[in-house]
Amino acid sequence: DRKNENLLFCGSEFALFYSIDQGDSWHRFNQNLPTVAVHDLVIHPRDPDIIIGTHGRGIWILDDISGLQQMTEKIAEAVGHLFENEVATRWLSISPMGQGGTFAFIGENPTKNAVINYYLHPIVAGEESVTIKITDVIGNNARSYTIEKPKPGISKLIWDMRFDAPPPPPSEDGESSDSPRRGRRRSGPPAGPGTYLVELKAM
């Protein structure tokens, strides 16, 4: 790897494997990569992506391996760890006029949301849930995610860059103005430019 000398990749006739200890042990890379022959590998010089040349699937790109690039023995011994993540860009949702027709390129692009990479020790596998809380630097806005039956290892949380809605004020009849029977759902404010704090907590 370009950033972590302990991180190695190996393509086989049926899969892609990686090692975080300079080849002493190997693990199969199971990130939606189909069973396919891996003939060539290139680690992108700028982005934390792997570009794979396969037989039968053409070019296959694995997005964001920054968690593996930052993995160390110290992190592997920790109960939980939040990696340094890539800067997320908030895009405008604009639908183009017209259709691309039958010759339009069809593929799965990277998510436009923020990606938060985190690691959980195998000891956490017995916990009921893990909570990840995202706040702005002054704590006025927050977003919480509860991950039921967490799996050990490196995982990704996709954040839509919106915060939880504030609690609705009570109505005149004493009910919440956002009562479920009214069929309405409040949406929290979007996250603006800036740095956000992320907290990982096992319950």
C-alpha atoms as a PDB file:
ATOM      1  CA  ASP A   1       0.000   0.000   0.000  1.00  0.00           C
ATOM      2  CA  ARG A   2       1.146   3.568  -0.656  1.00  0.00           C
ATOM      3  CA  LYS A   3       0.446   4.734   2.912  1.00  0.00           C
ATOM      4  CA  ASN A   4       0.774   1.633   5.084  1.00  0.00           C
ATOM      5  CA  GLU A   5       3.755  -0.644   4.474  1.00  0.00           C
ATOM      6  CA  ASN A   6       2.103  -3.409   6.529  1.00  0.00           C
ATOM      7  CA  LEU A   7      -0.937  -3.489   4.237  1.00  0.00           C
ATOM      8  CA  LEU A   8      -0.658  -5.886   1.300  1.00  0.00           C
ATOM      9  CA  PHE A   9      -3.124  -6.993  -1.365  1.00  0.00           C
ATOM     10  CA  CYS A  10      -3.143 -10.182  -3.398  1.00  0.00           C
ATOM     11  CA  GLY A  11      -5.356 -11.133  -6.307  1.00  0.00           C
ATOM     12  CA  SER A  12      -6.233 -14.783  -6.899  1.00  0.00           C
ATOM     13  CA  GLU A  13      -8.251 -16.727  -9.442  1.00  0.00           C
ATOM     14  CA  PHE A  14     -11.420 -16.284  -7.373  1.00  0.00           C
ATOM     15  CA  ALA A  15     -11.055 -13.341  -4.983  1.00  0.00           C
ATOM     16  CA  LEU A  16      -9.058 -10.446  -3.564  1.00  0.00           C
ATOM     17  CA  PHE A  17      -7.176 -10.889  -0.294  1.00  0.00           C
ATOM     18  CA  TYR A  18      -5.495  -8.426   2.053  1.00  0.00           C
ATOM     19  CA  SER A  19      -3.029  -8.579   4.922  1.00  0.00           C
ATOM     20  CA  ILE A  20      -2.426  -5.969   7.624  1.00  0.00           C
ATOM     21  CA  ASP A  21       0.674  -7.682   9.060  1.00  0.00           C
ATOM     22  CA  GLN A  22       2.993  -7.780   6.025  1.00  0.00           C
ATOM     23  CA  GLY A  23       1.658 -11.117   4.814  1.00  0.00           C
ATOM     24  CA  ASP A  24       1.738 -13.198   8.018  1.00  0.00           C
ATOM     25  CA  SER A  25      -2.053 -13.663   7.768  1.00  0.00           C
ATOM     26  CA  TRP A  26      -4.518 -13.052   4.931  1.00  0.00           C
ATOM     27  CA  HIS A  27      -8.219 -12.204   4.828  1.00  0.00           C
ATOM     28  CA  ARG A  28     -10.697 -12.255   1.976  1.00  0.00           C
ATOM     29  CA  PHE A  29     -11.947  -8.829   0.889  1.00  0.00           C
ATOM     30  CA  ASN A  30     -15.748  -9.088   0.967  1.00  0.00           C
ATOM     31  CA  GLN A  31     -16.969  -5.649  -0.113  1.00  0.00           C
ATOM     32  CA  ASN A  32     -19.459  -6.560  -2.863  1.00  0.00           C
ATOM     33  CA  LEU A  33     -16.666  -7.914  -5.017  1.00  0.00           C
ATOM     34  CA  PRO A  34     -18.087 -10.909  -6.926  1.00  0.00           C
ATOM     35  CA  THR A  35     -16.288 -14.210  -7.300  1.00  0.00           C
ATOM     36  CA  VAL A  36     -13.965 -13.291 -10.140  1.00  0.00           C
ATOM     37  CA  ALA A  37     -10.352 -13.659 -11.241  1.00  0.00           C
ATOM     38  CA  VAL A  38      -8.238 -10.676 -10.169  1.00  0.00           C
ATOM     39  CA  HIS A  39      -5.489 -10.172 -12.762  1.00  0.00           C
ATOM     40  CA  ASP A  40      -4.169  -6.725 -11.853  1.00  0.00           C
ATOM     41  CA  LEU A  41      -4.278  -4.215  -8.982  1.00  0.00           C
ATOM     42  CA  VAL A  42      -3.604  -0.500  -8.821  1.00  0.00           C
ATOM     43  CA  ILE A  43      -3.910   1.634  -5.684  1.00  0.00           C
ATOM     44  CA  HIS A  44      -5.030   5.089  -6.716  1.00  0.00           C
ATOM     45  CA  PRO A  45      -2.212   7.637  -6.171  1.00  0.00           C
ATOM     46  CA  ARG A  46      -4.609  10.305  -4.869  1.00  0.00           C
ATOM     47  CA  ASP A  47      -7.772   8.654  -3.536  1.00  0.00           C
ATOM     48  CA  PRO A  48      -7.975   5.702  -1.101  1.00  0.00           C
ATOM     49  CA  ASP A  49      -9.380   3.400  -3.799  1.00  0.00           C
ATOM     50  CA  ILE A  50      -8.274   0.110  -5.359  1.00  0.00           C
ATOM     51  CA  ILE A  51      -8.690  -0.350  -9.105  1.00  0.00           C
ATOM     52  CA  ILE A  52      -8.971  -4.032 -10.030  1.00  0.00           C
ATOM     53  CA  GLY A  53      -8.543  -5.586 -13.455  1.00  0.00           C
ATOM     54  CA  THR A  54     -10.721  -8.699 -13.593  1.00  0.00           C
ATOM     55  CA  HIS A  55     -11.518 -11.417 -16.092  1.00  0.00           C
ATOM     56  CA  GLY A  56     -15.202 -11.206 -16.961  1.00  0.00           C
ATOM     57  CA  ARG A  57     -16.124  -8.095 -14.937  1.00  0.00           C
ATOM     58  CA  GLY A  58     -13.843  -5.536 -16.577  1.00  0.00           C
ATOM     59  CA  ILE A  59     -12.588  -2.828 -14.212  1.00  0.00           C
ATOM     60  CA  TRP A  60     -13.890  -3.003 -10.644  1.00  0.00           C
ATOM     61  CA  ILE A  61     -13.196  -0.115  -8.240  1.00  0.00           C
ATOM     62  CA  LEU A  62     -13.315  -0.565  -4.475  1.00  0.00           C
ATOM     63  CA  ASP A  63     -13.987   2.844  -2.936  1.00  0.00           C
ATOM     64  CA  ASP A  64     -12.431   4.162   0.272  1.00  0.00           C
ATOM     65  CA  ILE A  65      -9.990   1.727   1.866  1.00  0.00           C
ATOM     66  CA  SER A  66      -8.782   4.438   4.256  1.00  0.00           C
ATOM     67  CA  GLY A  67      -9.803   2.303   7.236  1.00  0.00           C
ATOM     68  CA  LEU A  68      -7.431  -0.458   6.150  1.00  0.00           C
ATOM     69  CA  GLN A  69      -4.709   2.073   5.392  1.00  0.00           C
ATOM     70  CA  GLN A  70      -4.899   3.438   8.949  1.00  0.00           C
ATOM     71  CA  MET A  71      -5.171   0.050  10.658  1.00  0.00           C
ATOM     72  CA  THR A  72      -2.421  -0.755  13.183  1.00  0.00           C
ATOM     73  CA  GLU A  73      -1.846  -3.377  15.876  1.00  0.00           C
ATOM     74  CA  LYS A  74      -2.723  -0.784  18.537  1.00  0.00           C
ATOM     75  CA  ILE A  75      -6.071  -0.060  16.881  1.00  0.00           C
ATOM     76  CA  ALA A  76      -6.776  -3.798  16.519  1.00  0.00           C
ATOM     77  CA  GLU A  77      -6.427  -4.200  20.303  1.00  0.00           C
ATOM     78  CA  ALA A  78      -8.790  -1.317  21.095  1.00  0.00           C
ATOM     79  CA  VAL A  79     -12.476  -1.949  21.859  1.00  0.00           C
ATOM     80  CA  GLY A  80     -13.490   0.622  19.256  1.00  0.00           C
ATOM     81  CA  HIS A  81     -11.857   3.204  17.034  1.00  0.00           C
ATOM     82  CA  LEU A  82     -12.934   5.990  14.689  1.00  0.00           C
ATOM     83  CA  PHE A  83     -10.647   6.486  11.711  1.00  0.00           C
ATOM     84  CA  GLU A  84      -9.798   9.791  10.085  1.00  0.00           C
ATOM     85  CA  ASN A  85     -12.317  10.029   7.279  1.00  0.00           C
ATOM     86  CA  GLU A  86     -12.354  11.700   3.891  1.00  0.00           C
ATOM     87  CA  VAL A  87     -13.836  15.175   3.494  1.00  0.00           C
ATOM     88  CA  ALA A  88     -17.504  14.888   2.479  1.00  0.00           C
ATOM     89  CA  THR A  89     -18.956  17.201  -0.169  1.00  0.00           C
ATOM     90  CA  ARG A  90     -22.592  18.250  -0.091  1.00  0.00           C
ATOM     91  CA  TRP A  91     -23.929  18.165  -3.663  1.00  0.00           C
ATOM     92  CA  LEU A  92     -26.901  19.922  -5.182  1.00  0.00           C
ATOM     93  CA  SER A  93     -29.561  17.473  -6.353  1.00  0.00           C
ATOM     94  CA  ILE A  94     -30.378  18.606  -9.880  1.00  0.00           C
ATOM     95  CA  SER A  95     -32.094  16.268 -12.330  1.00  0.00           C
ATOM     96  CA  PRO A  96     -30.807  16.630 -15.902  1.00  0.00           C
ATOM     97  CA  MET A  97     -33.268  17.378 -18.667  1.00  0.00           C
ATOM     98  CA  GLY A  98     -33.934  14.479 -20.993  1.00  0.00           C
ATOM     99  CA  GLN A  99     -32.907  10.839 -20.865  1.00  0.00           C
ATOM    100  CA  GLY A 100     -29.642   9.106 -21.649  1.00  0.00           C
ATOM    101  CA  GLY A 101     -31.249   6.468 -23.825  1.00  0.00           C
ATOM    102  CA  THR A 102     -30.121   2.873 -24.105  1.00  0.00           C
ATOM    103  CA  PHE A 103     -26.460   3.841 -24.449  1.00  0.00           C
ATOM    104  CA  ALA A 104     -26.262   5.578 -21.073  1.00  0.00           C
ATOM    105  CA  PHE A 105     -23.535   4.311 -18.740  1.00  0.00           C
ATOM    106  CA  ILE A 106     -25.030   2.314 -15.893  1.00  0.00           C
ATOM    107  CA  GLY A 107     -22.909   1.684 -12.837  1.00  0.00           C
ATOM    108  CA  GLU A 108     -22.863   2.080  -9.065  1.00  0.00           C
ATOM    109  CA  ASN A 109     -21.174   5.340  -8.146  1.00  0.00           C
ATOM    110  CA  PRO A 110     -19.822   6.170  -4.676  1.00  0.00           C
ATOM    111  CA  THR A 111     -22.372   7.555  -2.262  1.00  0.00           C
ATOM    112  CA  LYS A 112     -22.838  11.327  -2.155  1.00  0.00           C
ATOM    113  CA  ASN A 113     -23.254  11.151   1.615  1.00  0.00           C
ATOM    114  CA  ALA A 114     -20.543  11.282   4.262  1.00  0.00           C
ATOM    115  CA  VAL A 115     -18.764   7.983   4.987  1.00  0.00           C
ATOM    116  CA  ILE A 116     -17.580   7.312   8.545  1.00  0.00           C
ATOM    117  CA  ASN A 117     -15.158   4.399   8.916  1.00  0.00           C
ATOM    118  CA  TYR A 118     -14.907   2.741  12.323  1.00  0.00           C
ATOM    119  CA  TYR A 119     -13.461  -0.400  13.894  1.00  0.00           C
ATOM    120  CA  LEU A 120     -14.955  -2.702  16.540  1.00  0.00           C
ATOM    121  CA  HIS A 121     -13.053  -5.338  18.483  1.00  0.00           C
ATOM    122  CA  PRO A 122     -14.472  -8.907  18.443  1.00  0.00           C
ATOM    123  CA  ILE A 123     -15.380  -8.462  22.122  1.00  0.00           C
ATOM    124  CA  VAL A 124     -18.084  -5.992  21.044  1.00  0.00           C
ATOM    125  CA  ALA A 125     -19.855  -8.717  19.029  1.00  0.00           C
ATOM    126  CA  GLY A 126     -21.725  -9.753  22.175  1.00  0.00           C
ATOM    127  CA  GLU A 127     -23.076  -6.257  22.818  1.00  0.00           C
ATOM    128  CA  GLU A 128     -26.688  -5.441  22.024  1.00  0.00           C
ATOM    129  CA  SER A 129     -25.910  -2.243  20.150  1.00  0.00           C
ATOM    130  CA  VAL A 130     -23.363   0.422  19.346  1.00  0.00           C
ATOM    131  CA  THR A 131     -24.231   4.110  19.149  1.00  0.00           C
ATOM    132  CA  ILE A 132     -22.504   6.617  16.892  1.00  0.00           C
ATOM    133  CA  LYS A 133     -23.271  10.259  17.627  1.00  0.00           C
ATOM    134  CA  ILE A 134     -22.368  13.128  15.305  1.00  0.00           C
ATOM    135  CA  THR A 135     -22.439  16.741  16.514  1.00  0.00           C
ATOM    136  CA  ASP A 136     -21.246  20.109  15.344  1.00  0.00           C
ATOM    137  CA  VAL A 137     -18.334  21.627  17.244  1.00  0.00           C
ATOM    138  CA  ILE A 138     -20.564  23.619  19.616  1.00  0.00           C
ATOM    139  CA  GLY A 139     -23.068  20.821  20.206  1.00  0.00           C
ATOM    140  CA  ASN A 140     -26.181  22.629  19.012  1.00  0.00           C
ATOM    141  CA  ASN A 141     -27.054  19.993  16.402  1.00  0.00           C
ATOM    142  CA  ALA A 142     -26.632  16.236  16.640  1.00  0.00           C
ATOM    143  CA  ARG A 143     -27.428  13.007  14.830  1.00  0.00           C
ATOM    144  CA  SER A 144     -27.421   9.583  16.489  1.00  0.00           C
ATOM    145  CA  TYR A 145     -27.289   6.141  14.882  1.00  0.00           C
ATOM    146  CA  THR A 146     -27.885   2.889  16.749  1.00  0.00           C
ATOM    147  CA  ILE A 147     -26.294  -0.194  15.212  1.00  0.00           C
ATOM    148  CA  GLU A 148     -28.029  -3.352  16.423  1.00  0.00           C
ATOM    149  CA  LYS A 149     -25.940  -6.507  16.897  1.00  0.00           C
ATOM    150  CA  PRO A 150     -22.673  -4.894  15.747  1.00  0.00           C
ATOM    151  CA  LYS A 151     -20.192  -6.942  13.756  1.00  0.00           C
ATOM    152  CA  PRO A 152     -16.479  -6.864  14.629  1.00  0.00           C
ATOM    153  CA  GLY A 153     -13.952  -5.456  12.206  1.00  0.00           C
ATOM    154  CA  ILE A 154     -13.933  -2.377   9.987  1.00  0.00           C
ATOM    155  CA  SER A 155     -17.344  -1.030   8.998  1.00  0.00           C
ATOM    156  CA  LYS A 156     -18.785   2.054   7.350  1.00  0.00           C
ATOM    157  CA  LEU A 157     -21.595   4.340   8.469  1.00  0.00           C
ATOM    158  CA  ILE A 158     -23.288   6.402   5.769  1.00  0.00           C
ATOM    159  CA  TRP A 159     -24.414   9.795   7.122  1.00  0.00           C
ATOM    160  CA  ASP A 160     -26.864  11.788   4.994  1.00  0.00           C
ATOM    161  CA  MET A 161     -25.405  15.012   6.436  1.00  0.00           C
ATOM    162  CA  ARG A 162     -28.599  15.970   8.220  1.00  0.00           C
ATOM    163  CA  PHE A 163     -29.143  16.332  11.960  1.00  0.00           C
ATOM    164  CA  ASP A 164     -31.986  14.984  14.066  1.00  0.00           C
ATOM    165  CA  ALA A 165     -35.017  17.250  14.163  1.00  0.00           C
ATOM    166  CA  PRO A 166     -35.530  19.179  17.398  1.00  0.00           C
ATOM    167  CA  PRO A 167     -38.450  17.984  19.555  1.00  0.00           C
ATOM    168  CA  PRO A 168     -41.718  19.535  18.320  1.00  0.00           C
ATOM    169  CA  PRO A 169     -43.528  21.995  20.591  1.00  0.00           C
ATOM    170  CA  PRO A 170     -46.759  20.747  22.213  1.00  0.00           C
ATOM    171  CA  SER A 171     -50.028  21.756  20.590  1.00  0.00           C
ATOM    172  CA  GLU A 172     -52.953  23.395  22.364  1.00  0.00           C
ATOM    173  CA  ASP A 173     -54.604  20.024  23.109  1.00  0.00           C
ATOM    174  CA  GLY A 174     -51.428  18.797  24.797  1.00  0.00           C
ATOM    175  CA  GLU A 175     -50.357  16.446  21.994  1.00  0.00           C
ATOM    176  CA  SER A 176     -47.171  16.757  20.059  1.00  0.00           C
ATOM    177  CA  SER A 177     -47.614  18.861  16.953  1.00  0.00           C
ATOM    178  CA  ASP A 178     -45.768  16.085  15.108  1.00  0.00           C
ATOM    179  CA  SER A 179     -48.007  13.263  16.297  1.00  0.00           C
ATOM    180  CA  PRO A 180     -47.638  10.002  14.279  1.00  0.00           C
ATOM    181  CA  ARG A 181     -51.375   9.902  13.583  1.00  0.00           C
ATOM    182  CA  ARG A 182     -51.085  13.149  11.686  1.00  0.00           C
ATOM    183  CA  GLY A 183     -48.823  11.380   9.181  1.00  0.00           C
ATOM    184  CA  ARG A 184     -46.122  14.049   9.197  1.00  0.00           C
ATOM    185  CA  ARG A 185     -42.406  13.651   9.757  1.00  0.00           C
ATOM    186  CA  ARG A 186     -40.022  16.410  10.709  1.00  0.00           C
ATOM    187  CA  SER A 187     -36.599  16.611   9.091  1.00  0.00           C
ATOM    188  CA  GLY A 188     -33.610  18.083  10.869  1.00  0.00           C
ATOM    189  CA  PRO A 189     -31.386  20.845   9.508  1.00  0.00           C
ATOM    190  CA  PRO A 190     -28.704  19.977   6.944  1.00  0.00           C
ATOM    191  CA  ALA A 191     -25.058  20.038   7.941  1.00  0.00           C
ATOM    192  CA  GLY A 192     -23.191  23.029   6.586  1.00  0.00           C
ATOM    193  CA  PRO A 193     -19.482  23.448   5.878  1.00  0.00           C
ATOM    194  CA  GLY A 194     -17.278  22.734   8.852  1.00  0.00           C
ATOM    195  CA  THR A 195     -15.800  20.067  11.105  1.00  0.00           C
ATOM    196  CA  TYR A 196     -17.961  17.633  13.049  1.00  0.00           C
ATOM    197  CA  LEU A 197     -17.347  15.559  16.156  1.00  0.00           C
ATOM    198  CA  VAL A 198     -18.072  11.832  16.073  1.00  0.00           C
ATOM    199  CA  GLU A 199     -18.470   9.690  19.224  1.00  0.00           C
ATOM    200  CA  LEU A 200     -18.515   5.881  19.256  1.00  0.00           C
ATOM    201  CA  LYS A 201     -20.129   4.158  22.255  1.00  0.00           C
ATOM    202  CA  ALA A 202     -20.905   0.498  22.930  1.00  0.00           C
ATOM    203  CA  MET A 203     -24.131  -0.086  24.886  1.00  0.00           C
END
